[in-house]
Amino acid sequence: MTQINDKLRIPKNIRKVKNIVGVFSAKGGVGKSVISLQIATALKEKGLRVGLVDTDIYGPSQSVMLNSSPVELKNLKDDQLIKPLVKDNIKFMSMGLISGEKMPLIARGPKVSGAIMQLLFKTDWGELDYLIIDTPPGTGDAQLTLLQRIPVTTSLVVTTPQNVSISDCRRGIEMINKLNQPISGLIENMSWFQPDDQQKKYYLFGKDGAKELAREYSLELLAQLPLVELSDESKIQDHPLLKSEFVKISDKLMESIKILKKKKSIGIPQANIIK
């Protein structure tokens, strides 16, 4: 039986979303947006229906990675809901589609939270197996809004092995734990750099920081991802090594969600719907 949180009032537009996964990191610049996109791509390639929402209001980057522009969104409005763009068979929404590449968003906390809610609740997501939320860095209003007002099924936490990143990431884990939200695992990004023509690994940002963090919080370390070389025209989500890693990550994520739902009956609440 689905566990219902009476404090959550869920609009119709996400009632048909089976799983919502928040990708968090209290530290900026760790590659969280790239990882969110790669997870969405890996799930999509399993034949699942996937959406991706970029809630980094101040610095949206998914629109750049998916080669999208605000012009594509203008003619897609349908009554009160906005139809998301579909890129590579992934439904996609971002503030970058609304504000434009050169237009900064200048706003305080409450307006930021409101913008995040609109991105999620004013988009016509339709039926989805997974909605991946690329969250902004930090532990402030935006993150609290997502964790307290969105029926997040589970979370993933991204860090690099660097001490500063580990320290900030620890705060992010503490925030999620204090709000009694599940975490399906850690992903360590930029773990090393290995040139394509060499066997030697270069640990540019330290070594195994996330291993220690995972041990500290009894979390699963889902992957340690290297920095990779890309040609000018290639996409990072098409890199063969990373693609294989994200197949494994998506498998572990799906299994974790299955276990969470079996143990705690966690799911999208179907009560107290806003009409």
C-alpha atoms as a PDB file:
ATOM      1  CA  MET A   1       0.000   0.000   0.000  1.00  0.00           C
ATOM      2  CA  THR A   2       1.348   3.427  -0.957  1.00  0.00           C
ATOM      3  CA  GLN A   3       2.472   5.529   1.977  1.00  0.00           C
ATOM      4  CA  ILE A   4       0.699   8.899   1.691  1.00  0.00           C
ATOM      5  CA  ASN A   5       2.200  12.098   3.020  1.00  0.00           C
ATOM      6  CA  ASP A   6      -0.775  14.340   3.770  1.00  0.00           C
ATOM      7  CA  LYS A   7       1.464  17.422   3.767  1.00  0.00           C
ATOM      8  CA  LEU A   8       2.167  16.983   0.039  1.00  0.00           C
ATOM      9  CA  ARG A   9      -0.446  18.280  -2.364  1.00  0.00           C
ATOM     10  CA  ILE A  10       0.450  16.872  -5.737  1.00  0.00           C
ATOM     11  CA  PRO A  11      -0.783  18.520  -8.954  1.00  0.00           C
ATOM     12  CA  LYS A  12      -2.196  16.424 -11.755  1.00  0.00           C
ATOM     13  CA  ASN A  13       0.749  17.033 -14.052  1.00  0.00           C
ATOM     14  CA  ILE A  14       3.059  14.715 -12.076  1.00  0.00           C
ATOM     15  CA  ARG A  15       0.519  12.136 -10.952  1.00  0.00           C
ATOM     16  CA  LYS A  16       1.594   9.890 -13.820  1.00  0.00           C
ATOM     17  CA  VAL A  17       5.278  10.133 -12.960  1.00  0.00           C
ATOM     18  CA  LYS A  18       6.239   6.832 -11.338  1.00  0.00           C
ATOM     19  CA  ASN A  19       9.627   7.801  -9.882  1.00  0.00           C
ATOM     20  CA  ILE A  20      11.276  11.145  -9.153  1.00  0.00           C
ATOM     21  CA  VAL A  21      15.042  11.092  -8.619  1.00  0.00           C
ATOM     22  CA  GLY A  22      16.868  14.137  -7.238  1.00  0.00           C
ATOM     23  CA  VAL A  23      20.546  14.481  -8.167  1.00  0.00           C
ATOM     24  CA  PHE A  24      22.145  16.557  -5.416  1.00  0.00           C
ATOM     25  CA  SER A  25      25.489  18.022  -4.463  1.00  0.00           C
ATOM     26  CA  ALA A  26      26.108  20.825  -2.024  1.00  0.00           C
ATOM     27  CA  LYS A  27      29.214  21.689  -4.053  1.00  0.00           C
ATOM     28  CA  GLY A  28      29.094  23.405  -7.439  1.00  0.00           C
ATOM     29  CA  GLY A  29      31.296  22.372 -10.334  1.00  0.00           C
ATOM     30  CA  VAL A  30      31.326  18.630  -9.656  1.00  0.00           C
ATOM     31  CA  GLY A  31      29.621  17.645 -12.910  1.00  0.00           C
ATOM     32  CA  LYS A  32      26.171  17.050 -11.457  1.00  0.00           C
ATOM     33  CA  SER A  33      24.363  18.316 -14.565  1.00  0.00           C
ATOM     34  CA  VAL A  34      26.344  16.053 -16.889  1.00  0.00           C
ATOM     35  CA  ILE A  35      25.654  13.101 -14.597  1.00  0.00           C
ATOM     36  CA  SER A  36      21.927  13.916 -14.480  1.00  0.00           C
ATOM     37  CA  LEU A  37      21.813  13.904 -18.275  1.00  0.00           C
ATOM     38  CA  GLN A  38      23.766  10.657 -18.512  1.00  0.00           C
ATOM     39  CA  ILE A  39      21.475   8.924 -16.023  1.00  0.00           C
ATOM     40  CA  ALA A  40      18.434  10.118 -17.986  1.00  0.00           C
ATOM     41  CA  THR A  41      20.036   8.872 -21.217  1.00  0.00           C
ATOM     42  CA  ALA A  42      20.888   5.469 -19.733  1.00  0.00           C
ATOM     43  CA  LEU A  43      17.330   4.995 -18.472  1.00  0.00           C
ATOM     44  CA  LYS A  44      15.907   6.109 -21.820  1.00  0.00           C
ATOM     45  CA  GLU A  45      18.058   3.579 -23.650  1.00  0.00           C
ATOM     46  CA  LYS A  46      16.451   0.839 -21.543  1.00  0.00           C
ATOM     47  CA  GLY A  47      13.174   1.717 -23.238  1.00  0.00           C
ATOM     48  CA  LEU A  48      11.838   3.705 -20.286  1.00  0.00           C
ATOM     49  CA  ARG A  49       9.918   6.976 -20.481  1.00  0.00           C
ATOM     50  CA  VAL A  50      12.186   9.634 -19.014  1.00  0.00           C
ATOM     51  CA  GLY A  51      12.002  13.341 -18.203  1.00  0.00           C
ATOM     52  CA  LEU A  52      14.772  15.712 -17.139  1.00  0.00           C
ATOM     53  CA  VAL A  53      14.239  19.025 -15.374  1.00  0.00           C
ATOM     54  CA  ASP A  54      17.068  21.488 -14.781  1.00  0.00           C
ATOM     55  CA  THR A  55      16.217  23.326 -11.558  1.00  0.00           C
ATOM     56  CA  ASP A  56      19.511  25.222 -11.318  1.00  0.00           C
ATOM     57  CA  ILE A  57      17.796  28.572 -11.673  1.00  0.00           C
ATOM     58  CA  TYR A  58      20.920  30.746 -11.560  1.00  0.00           C
ATOM     59  CA  GLY A  59      23.109  28.596 -13.799  1.00  0.00           C
ATOM     60  CA  PRO A  60      21.056  26.270 -16.007  1.00  0.00           C
ATOM     61  CA  SER A  61      23.271  24.180 -18.269  1.00  0.00           C
ATOM     62  CA  GLN A  62      21.099  21.358 -19.599  1.00  0.00           C
ATOM     63  CA  SER A  63      19.774  23.557 -22.417  1.00  0.00           C
ATOM     64  CA  VAL A  64      23.358  24.017 -23.642  1.00  0.00           C
ATOM     65  CA  MET A  65      24.196  20.310 -23.416  1.00  0.00           C
ATOM     66  CA  LEU A  66      20.981  19.403 -25.246  1.00  0.00           C
ATOM     67  CA  ASN A  67      21.518  22.152 -27.816  1.00  0.00           C
ATOM     68  CA  SER A  68      18.173  23.806 -27.056  1.00  0.00           C
ATOM     69  CA  SER A  69      17.045  27.416 -27.171  1.00  0.00           C
ATOM     70  CA  PRO A  70      14.103  29.489 -25.868  1.00  0.00           C
ATOM     71  CA  VAL A  71      12.838  29.869 -29.436  1.00  0.00           C
ATOM     72  CA  GLU A  72      11.885  26.188 -29.465  1.00  0.00           C
ATOM     73  CA  LEU A  73       9.665  26.600 -26.410  1.00  0.00           C
ATOM     74  CA  LYS A  74       7.618  29.661 -27.388  1.00  0.00           C
ATOM     75  CA  ASN A  75       5.053  27.906 -29.522  1.00  0.00           C
ATOM     76  CA  LEU A  76       4.521  24.955 -27.194  1.00  0.00           C
ATOM     77  CA  LYS A  77       2.213  26.537 -24.610  1.00  0.00           C
ATOM     78  CA  ASP A  78      -1.048  24.708 -24.003  1.00  0.00           C
ATOM     79  CA  ASP A  79      -3.494  26.502 -21.703  1.00  0.00           C
ATOM     80  CA  GLN A  80      -1.898  26.643 -18.241  1.00  0.00           C
ATOM     81  CA  LEU A  81       0.764  23.973 -18.823  1.00  0.00           C
ATOM     82  CA  ILE A  82       3.915  24.150 -20.922  1.00  0.00           C
ATOM     83  CA  LYS A  83       4.770  21.188 -23.094  1.00  0.00           C
ATOM     84  CA  PRO A  84       8.370  20.134 -22.442  1.00  0.00           C
ATOM     85  CA  LEU A  85      10.832  19.896 -25.284  1.00  0.00           C
ATOM     86  CA  VAL A  86      11.705  16.384 -26.389  1.00  0.00           C
ATOM     87  CA  LYS A  87      15.424  15.934 -26.988  1.00  0.00           C
ATOM     88  CA  ASP A  88      16.878  12.517 -27.784  1.00  0.00           C
ATOM     89  CA  ASN A  89      13.525  11.040 -26.663  1.00  0.00           C
ATOM     90  CA  ILE A  90      13.845  12.691 -23.244  1.00  0.00           C
ATOM     91  CA  LYS A  91      11.220  15.209 -22.093  1.00  0.00           C
ATOM     92  CA  PHE A  92      13.130  18.256 -20.966  1.00  0.00           C
ATOM     93  CA  MET A  93      12.533  21.562 -19.184  1.00  0.00           C
ATOM     94  CA  SER A  94      14.975  24.204 -17.928  1.00  0.00           C
ATOM     95  CA  MET A  95      15.071  27.851 -16.902  1.00  0.00           C
ATOM     96  CA  GLY A  96      17.608  28.145 -19.735  1.00  0.00           C
ATOM     97  CA  LEU A  97      14.686  27.689 -22.140  1.00  0.00           C
ATOM     98  CA  ILE A  98      12.848  30.582 -20.538  1.00  0.00           C
ATOM     99  CA  SER A  99      15.501  33.143 -19.625  1.00  0.00           C
ATOM    100  CA  GLY A 100      17.886  32.726 -22.551  1.00  0.00           C
ATOM    101  CA  GLU A 101      21.636  32.145 -22.590  1.00  0.00           C
ATOM    102  CA  LYS A 102      22.680  35.741 -21.808  1.00  0.00           C
ATOM    103  CA  MET A 103      19.845  36.678 -19.457  1.00  0.00           C
ATOM    104  CA  PRO A 104      20.769  36.236 -15.765  1.00  0.00           C
ATOM    105  CA  LEU A 105      18.086  35.518 -13.211  1.00  0.00           C
ATOM    106  CA  ILE A 106      18.333  38.021 -10.368  1.00  0.00           C
ATOM    107  CA  ALA A 107      16.088  36.812  -7.573  1.00  0.00           C
ATOM    108  CA  ARG A 108      15.974  36.125  -3.839  1.00  0.00           C
ATOM    109  CA  GLY A 109      15.153  32.832  -2.143  1.00  0.00           C
ATOM    110  CA  PRO A 110      11.308  32.840  -2.278  1.00  0.00           C
ATOM    111  CA  LYS A 111      11.275  33.718  -5.977  1.00  0.00           C
ATOM    112  CA  VAL A 112      13.820  31.014  -6.698  1.00  0.00           C
ATOM    113  CA  SER A 113      11.677  28.449  -4.890  1.00  0.00           C
ATOM    114  CA  GLY A 114       8.643  29.645  -6.824  1.00  0.00           C
ATOM    115  CA  ALA A 115      10.486  29.323 -10.124  1.00  0.00           C
ATOM    116  CA  ILE A 116      11.482  25.757  -9.285  1.00  0.00           C
ATOM    117  CA  MET A 117       7.902  24.837  -8.430  1.00  0.00           C
ATOM    118  CA  GLN A 118       6.685  26.307 -11.716  1.00  0.00           C
ATOM    119  CA  LEU A 119       9.241  24.350 -13.725  1.00  0.00           C
ATOM    120  CA  LEU A 120       7.996  21.136 -12.123  1.00  0.00           C
ATOM    121  CA  PHE A 121       4.292  21.804 -11.698  1.00  0.00           C
ATOM    122  CA  LYS A 122       3.556  23.902 -14.789  1.00  0.00           C
ATOM    123  CA  THR A 123       5.090  21.433 -17.225  1.00  0.00           C
ATOM    124  CA  ASP A 124       2.942  18.784 -18.904  1.00  0.00           C
ATOM    125  CA  TRP A 125       5.118  15.750 -18.131  1.00  0.00           C
ATOM    126  CA  GLY A 126       2.512  13.164 -19.075  1.00  0.00           C
ATOM    127  CA  GLU A 127       3.331   9.538 -18.285  1.00  0.00           C
ATOM    128  CA  LEU A 128       6.919   8.981 -17.181  1.00  0.00           C
ATOM    129  CA  ASP A 129       8.775   6.100 -15.597  1.00  0.00           C
ATOM    130  CA  TYR A 130      11.487   8.426 -14.271  1.00  0.00           C
ATOM    131  CA  LEU A 131      11.799  12.166 -13.823  1.00  0.00           C
ATOM    132  CA  ILE A 132      15.398  13.195 -13.115  1.00  0.00           C
ATOM    133  CA  ILE A 133      15.821  16.472 -11.251  1.00  0.00           C
ATOM    134  CA  ASP A 134      19.141  18.236 -11.798  1.00  0.00           C
ATOM    135  CA  THR A 135      19.271  20.287  -8.596  1.00  0.00           C
ATOM    136  CA  PRO A 136      21.261  23.470  -7.896  1.00  0.00           C
ATOM    137  CA  PRO A 137      24.278  23.315  -5.585  1.00  0.00           C
ATOM    138  CA  GLY A 138      23.916  24.278  -1.934  1.00  0.00           C
ATOM    139  CA  THR A 139      21.710  23.539   1.071  1.00  0.00           C
ATOM    140  CA  GLY A 140      19.318  26.476   0.960  1.00  0.00           C
ATOM    141  CA  ASP A 141      15.791  27.388  -0.102  1.00  0.00           C
ATOM    142  CA  ALA A 142      15.951  25.634  -3.471  1.00  0.00           C
ATOM    143  CA  GLN A 143      17.028  22.304  -2.024  1.00  0.00           C
ATOM    144  CA  LEU A 144      14.536  22.486   0.842  1.00  0.00           C
ATOM    145  CA  THR A 145      11.738  23.234  -1.624  1.00  0.00           C
ATOM    146  CA  LEU A 146      12.622  20.158  -3.652  1.00  0.00           C
ATOM    147  CA  LEU A 147      12.930  17.843  -0.664  1.00  0.00           C
ATOM    148  CA  GLN A 148       9.910  19.102   1.267  1.00  0.00           C
ATOM    149  CA  ARG A 149       7.388  19.904  -1.464  1.00  0.00           C
ATOM    150  CA  ILE A 150       8.224  17.416  -4.211  1.00  0.00           C
ATOM    151  CA  PRO A 151       7.497  13.686  -3.764  1.00  0.00           C
ATOM    152  CA  VAL A 152      11.099  12.638  -4.403  1.00  0.00           C
ATOM    153  CA  THR A 153      11.399   8.849  -4.588  1.00  0.00           C
ATOM    154  CA  THR A 154      15.114   8.833  -3.865  1.00  0.00           C
ATOM    155  CA  SER A 155      18.272  10.916  -4.161  1.00  0.00           C
ATOM    156  CA  LEU A 156      21.732  10.547  -5.624  1.00  0.00           C
ATOM    157  CA  VAL A 157      24.672  12.587  -4.358  1.00  0.00           C
ATOM    158  CA  VAL A 158      27.562  13.654  -6.587  1.00  0.00           C
ATOM    159  CA  THR A 159      31.030  14.694  -5.455  1.00  0.00           C
ATOM    160  CA  THR A 160      34.636  14.740  -6.607  1.00  0.00           C
ATOM    161  CA  PRO A 161      37.438  13.174  -4.529  1.00  0.00           C
ATOM    162  CA  GLN A 162      38.708  16.627  -3.528  1.00  0.00           C
ATOM    163  CA  ASN A 163      38.611  17.460   0.197  1.00  0.00           C
ATOM    164  CA  VAL A 164      36.658  20.688  -0.303  1.00  0.00           C
ATOM    165  CA  SER A 165      34.033  18.887  -2.356  1.00  0.00           C
ATOM    166  CA  ILE A 166      33.783  16.061   0.188  1.00  0.00           C
ATOM    167  CA  SER A 167      33.292  18.575   2.994  1.00  0.00           C
ATOM    168  CA  ASP A 168      30.428  20.332   1.183  1.00  0.00           C
ATOM    169  CA  CYS A 169      28.936  17.044   0.048  1.00  0.00           C
ATOM    170  CA  ARG A 170      28.841  15.877   3.660  1.00  0.00           C
ATOM    171  CA  ARG A 171      26.591  18.856   4.453  1.00  0.00           C
ATOM    172  CA  GLY A 172      24.321  17.885   1.588  1.00  0.00           C
ATOM    173  CA  ILE A 173      23.997  14.338   2.897  1.00  0.00           C
ATOM    174  CA  GLU A 174      23.234  15.652   6.386  1.00  0.00           C
ATOM    175  CA  MET A 175      20.501  17.884   4.937  1.00  0.00           C
ATOM    176  CA  ILE A 176      18.861  14.992   3.094  1.00  0.00           C
ATOM    177  CA  ASN A 177      19.122  12.745   6.155  1.00  0.00           C
ATOM    178  CA  LYS A 178      17.585  15.364   8.454  1.00  0.00           C
ATOM    179  CA  LEU A 179      14.595  15.544   6.136  1.00  0.00           C
ATOM    180  CA  ASN A 180      14.292  11.727   6.283  1.00  0.00           C
ATOM    181  CA  GLN A 181      14.715  11.298   2.550  1.00  0.00           C
ATOM    182  CA  PRO A 182      16.392   8.205   1.102  1.00  0.00           C
ATOM    183  CA  ILE A 183      19.744   8.287  -0.717  1.00  0.00           C
ATOM    184  CA  SER A 184      20.416   5.524  -3.236  1.00  0.00           C
ATOM    185  CA  GLY A 185      24.129   6.172  -3.390  1.00  0.00           C
ATOM    186  CA  LEU A 186      27.136   8.357  -4.091  1.00  0.00           C
ATOM    187  CA  ILE A 187      28.781   9.025  -7.443  1.00  0.00           C
ATOM    188  CA  GLU A 188      32.385  10.196  -7.472  1.00  0.00           C
ATOM    189  CA  ASN A 189      33.112  12.250 -10.580  1.00  0.00           C
ATOM    190  CA  MET A 190      36.529  13.305 -11.941  1.00  0.00           C
ATOM    191  CA  SER A 191      38.129  10.470 -10.007  1.00  0.00           C
ATOM    192  CA  TRP A 192      41.175  10.424 -12.274  1.00  0.00           C
ATOM    193  CA  PHE A 193      42.355  11.360 -15.748  1.00  0.00           C
ATOM    194  CA  GLN A 194      43.761   8.735 -18.059  1.00  0.00           C
ATOM    195  CA  PRO A 195      44.846   9.804 -21.572  1.00  0.00           C
ATOM    196  CA  ASP A 196      43.540   7.554 -24.328  1.00  0.00           C
ATOM    197  CA  ASP A 197      47.068   6.545 -25.312  1.00  0.00           C
ATOM    198  CA  GLN A 198      48.359   5.791 -21.807  1.00  0.00           C
ATOM    199  CA  GLN A 199      47.777   3.267 -19.030  1.00  0.00           C
ATOM    200  CA  LYS A 200      48.751   5.611 -16.216  1.00  0.00           C
ATOM    201  CA  LYS A 201      46.005   7.293 -14.173  1.00  0.00           C
ATOM    202  CA  TYR A 202      46.465  10.835 -12.904  1.00  0.00           C
ATOM    203  CA  TYR A 203      44.615  11.641  -9.672  1.00  0.00           C
ATOM    204  CA  LEU A 204      44.199  15.377 -10.189  1.00  0.00           C
ATOM    205  CA  PHE A 205      41.766  16.005  -7.320  1.00  0.00           C
ATOM    206  CA  GLY A 206      42.893  13.455  -4.754  1.00  0.00           C
ATOM    207  CA  LYS A 207      42.000   9.794  -4.470  1.00  0.00           C
ATOM    208  CA  ASP A 208      39.063   7.828  -3.056  1.00  0.00           C
ATOM    209  CA  GLY A 209      37.450  10.720  -1.195  1.00  0.00           C
ATOM    210  CA  ALA A 210      33.976   9.397  -1.947  1.00  0.00           C
ATOM    211  CA  LYS A 211      34.947   5.920  -0.752  1.00  0.00           C
ATOM    212  CA  GLU A 212      35.601   7.307   2.709  1.00  0.00           C
ATOM    213  CA  LEU A 213      32.426   9.382   2.597  1.00  0.00           C
ATOM    214  CA  ALA A 214      30.341   6.382   1.549  1.00  0.00           C
ATOM    215  CA  ARG A 215      31.828   4.359   4.397  1.00  0.00           C
ATOM    216  CA  GLU A 216      31.128   7.186   6.867  1.00  0.00           C
ATOM    217  CA  TYR A 217      27.417   7.293   5.983  1.00  0.00           C
ATOM    218  CA  SER A 218      26.946   3.615   5.073  1.00  0.00           C
ATOM    219  CA  LEU A 219      26.050   4.539   1.510  1.00  0.00           C
ATOM    220  CA  GLU A 220      26.786   2.643  -1.661  1.00  0.00           C
ATOM    221  CA  LEU A 221      29.439   4.147  -3.911  1.00  0.00           C
ATOM    222  CA  LEU A 222      27.739   3.638  -7.259  1.00  0.00           C
ATOM    223  CA  ALA A 223      30.711   4.576  -9.431  1.00  0.00           C
ATOM    224  CA  GLN A 224      34.026   6.391  -9.693  1.00  0.00           C
ATOM    225  CA  LEU A 225      34.007   8.204 -13.024  1.00  0.00           C
ATOM    226  CA  PRO A 226      37.133   9.407 -14.808  1.00  0.00           C
ATOM    227  CA  LEU A 227      37.710  12.590 -16.736  1.00  0.00           C
ATOM    228  CA  VAL A 228      37.682  11.678 -20.422  1.00  0.00           C
ATOM    229  CA  GLU A 229      38.969  13.216 -23.625  1.00  0.00           C
ATOM    230  CA  LEU A 230      36.356  14.381 -26.118  1.00  0.00           C
ATOM    231  CA  SER A 231      36.650  15.569 -29.686  1.00  0.00           C
ATOM    232  CA  ASP A 232      35.087  18.921 -30.570  1.00  0.00           C
ATOM    233  CA  GLU A 233      31.948  17.374 -32.063  1.00  0.00           C
ATOM    234  CA  SER A 234      31.389  14.478 -29.669  1.00  0.00           C
ATOM    235  CA  LYS A 235      28.915  14.437 -26.785  1.00  0.00           C
ATOM    236  CA  ILE A 236      29.993  13.287 -23.355  1.00  0.00           C
ATOM    237  CA  GLN A 237      26.913  11.055 -23.044  1.00  0.00           C
ATOM    238  CA  ASP A 238      28.103   9.149 -26.117  1.00  0.00           C
ATOM    239  CA  HIS A 239      31.558   8.308 -24.738  1.00  0.00           C
ATOM    240  CA  PRO A 240      31.739   4.471 -24.702  1.00  0.00           C
ATOM    241  CA  LEU A 241      33.433   4.160 -21.292  1.00  0.00           C
ATOM    242  CA  LEU A 242      30.981   6.485 -19.598  1.00  0.00           C
ATOM    243  CA  LYS A 243      28.005   4.894 -21.350  1.00  0.00           C
ATOM    244  CA  SER A 244      28.956   1.514 -19.917  1.00  0.00           C
ATOM    245  CA  GLU A 245      29.374   3.025 -16.435  1.00  0.00           C
ATOM    246  CA  PHE A 246      25.957   4.664 -16.570  1.00  0.00           C
ATOM    247  CA  VAL A 247      24.301   1.445 -17.631  1.00  0.00           C
ATOM    248  CA  LYS A 248      25.585   0.015 -14.334  1.00  0.00           C
ATOM    249  CA  ILE A 249      24.573   3.136 -12.373  1.00  0.00           C
ATOM    250  CA  SER A 250      21.044   3.073 -13.803  1.00  0.00           C
ATOM    251  CA  ASP A 251      20.725  -0.640 -12.998  1.00  0.00           C
ATOM    252  CA  LYS A 252      21.754   0.022  -9.388  1.00  0.00           C
ATOM    253  CA  LEU A 253      19.374   2.973  -9.166  1.00  0.00           C
ATOM    254  CA  MET A 254      16.434   0.928 -10.404  1.00  0.00           C
ATOM    255  CA  GLU A 255      17.230  -1.887  -7.998  1.00  0.00           C
ATOM    256  CA  SER A 256      17.544   0.567  -5.103  1.00  0.00           C
ATOM    257  CA  ILE A 257      14.151   2.076  -5.881  1.00  0.00           C
ATOM    258  CA  LYS A 258      12.604  -1.372  -6.093  1.00  0.00           C
ATOM    259  CA  ILE A 259      13.975  -2.207  -2.635  1.00  0.00           C
ATOM    260  CA  LEU A 260      12.871   1.147  -1.194  1.00  0.00           C
ATOM    261  CA  LYS A 261       9.334   0.681  -2.426  1.00  0.00           C
ATOM    262  CA  LYS A 262       9.200  -2.876  -1.176  1.00  0.00           C
ATOM    263  CA  LYS A 263      10.480  -1.986   2.298  1.00  0.00           C
ATOM    264  CA  LYS A 264       8.793   1.335   2.866  1.00  0.00           C
ATOM    265  CA  SER A 265       6.084   1.495   0.206  1.00  0.00           C
ATOM    266  CA  ILE A 266       7.508   4.745  -1.105  1.00  0.00           C
ATOM    267  CA  GLY A 267       5.843   6.170  -4.192  1.00  0.00           C
ATOM    268  CA  ILE A 268       4.158   9.190  -5.714  1.00  0.00           C
ATOM    269  CA  PRO A 269       1.254  10.080  -3.374  1.00  0.00           C
ATOM    270  CA  GLN A 270      -2.119   9.915  -5.088  1.00  0.00           C
ATOM    271  CA  ALA A 271      -4.095  11.944  -2.541  1.00  0.00           C
ATOM    272  CA  ASN A 272      -4.783  15.619  -1.926  1.00  0.00           C
ATOM    273  CA  ILE A 273      -4.538  16.479  -5.598  1.00  0.00           C
ATOM    274  CA  ILE A 274      -4.656  20.120  -6.628  1.00  0.00           C
ATOM    275  CA  LYS A 275      -7.251  20.603  -9.363  1.00  0.00           C
END
